[in-house]
Amino acid sequence: MTYNDSSILKLNVGGMKDIEVSYTTLVSVPGSKLAQDFAKPQQVEEDGTVFVNRAHFPFRLMLHYLRNSLEIPDIENDQEL
């Protein structure tokens, strides 16, 4: 499946299907492993979620970092995590 800048993806990360993220966020750091991975077709499950073979919590931290102007999240006090 291919994506464009307005695509919203539902992800299965570490067996948990609770992450929705824009394609733009996933590729926001050019040359990163994440941007390279999502530049090519992804494995889409029957329910439409995209499988990501990563641990759930670290992936959520990384998304928080990307969504918040590349600020390191405060894992002790941040309610979004």
Protein backbone atom coordinates (compact mmCIF):
# COMPACT_ATOMS: atom_id res chain seq x y z
CA MET A 1 0.00 0.00 0.00
CA THR A 2 1.26 3.49 -0.78
CA TYR A 3 0.52 6.63 1.22
CA ASN A 4 0.36 10.38 0.71
CA ASP A 5 0.80 13.34 3.06
CA SER A 6 -2.85 13.27 4.16
CA SER A 7 -2.87 9.54 4.99
CA ILE A 8 -3.72 8.46 8.54
CA LEU A 9 -2.40 5.01 9.40
CA LYS A 10 -3.63 2.60 12.04
CA LEU A 11 -0.68 0.63 13.36
CA ASN A 12 -0.23 -2.75 15.02
CA VAL A 13 2.93 -2.27 17.08
CA GLY A 14 4.01 -5.07 19.37
CA GLY A 15 0.60 -6.72 19.04
CA MET A 16 -1.29 -3.61 20.14
CA LYS A 17 -3.52 -1.88 17.60
CA ASP A 18 -4.03 1.42 19.42
CA ILE A 19 -1.84 3.82 17.45
CA GLU A 20 -3.12 6.17 14.75
CA VAL A 21 -0.56 8.44 13.15
CA SER A 22 -0.21 10.59 10.07
CA TYR A 23 2.08 9.44 7.31
CA THR A 24 3.71 12.88 7.48
CA THR A 25 4.77 12.24 11.10
CA LEU A 26 6.26 8.85 10.23
CA VAL A 27 8.46 10.30 7.49
CA SER A 28 9.21 13.64 9.18
CA VAL A 29 12.92 12.88 9.65
CA PRO A 30 14.33 12.32 6.15
CA GLY A 31 16.80 9.48 5.94
CA SER A 32 15.68 7.91 9.23
CA LYS A 33 14.99 4.18 9.41
CA LEU A 34 11.32 4.93 9.99
CA ALA A 35 11.09 7.22 6.95
CA GLN A 36 12.90 4.63 4.82
CA ASP A 37 10.59 1.84 6.01
CA PHE A 38 7.40 3.77 5.22
CA ALA A 39 8.69 4.91 1.83
CA LYS A 40 8.14 1.34 0.63
CA PRO A 41 4.95 -0.76 0.71
CA GLN A 42 3.95 -2.06 4.15
CA GLN A 43 2.34 -5.29 5.30
CA VAL A 44 -1.36 -4.48 5.82
CA GLU A 45 -3.48 -6.83 7.92
CA GLU A 46 -7.04 -7.86 7.04
CA ASP A 47 -8.51 -5.18 9.33
CA GLY A 48 -6.49 -2.45 7.60
CA THR A 49 -3.84 -1.97 10.28
CA VAL A 50 -0.20 -1.73 9.28
CA PHE A 51 2.07 -4.21 11.05
CA VAL A 52 5.19 -2.66 12.62
CA ASN A 53 7.65 -5.17 14.06
CA ARG A 54 8.78 -3.09 17.04
CA ALA A 55 8.17 -2.95 20.78
CA HIS A 56 5.08 -0.91 21.63
CA PHE A 57 6.27 1.43 24.42
CA PRO A 58 9.53 2.59 22.78
CA PHE A 59 7.62 3.15 19.53
CA ARG A 60 5.08 5.35 21.36
CA LEU A 61 7.97 7.35 22.88
CA MET A 62 9.44 7.86 19.42
CA LEU A 63 6.07 9.07 18.06
CA HIS A 64 5.73 11.47 20.98
CA TYR A 65 9.19 12.81 20.13
CA LEU A 66 8.25 13.29 16.47
CA ARG A 67 4.85 14.84 17.25
CA ASN A 68 6.22 17.35 19.76
CA SER A 69 8.88 19.20 17.83
CA LEU A 70 11.59 16.67 18.58
CA GLU A 71 11.38 17.16 22.35
CA ILE A 72 12.34 14.24 24.58
CA PRO A 73 9.23 13.06 26.47
CA ASP A 74 8.99 13.13 30.25
CA ILE A 75 7.94 9.52 30.78
CA GLU A 76 7.22 10.04 34.49
CA ASN A 77 4.76 12.92 34.09
CA ASP A 78 3.36 12.76 30.56
CA GLN A 79 -0.26 11.57 30.52
CA GLU A 80 -0.20 10.88 26.73
CA LEU A 81 2.22 7.98 27.10
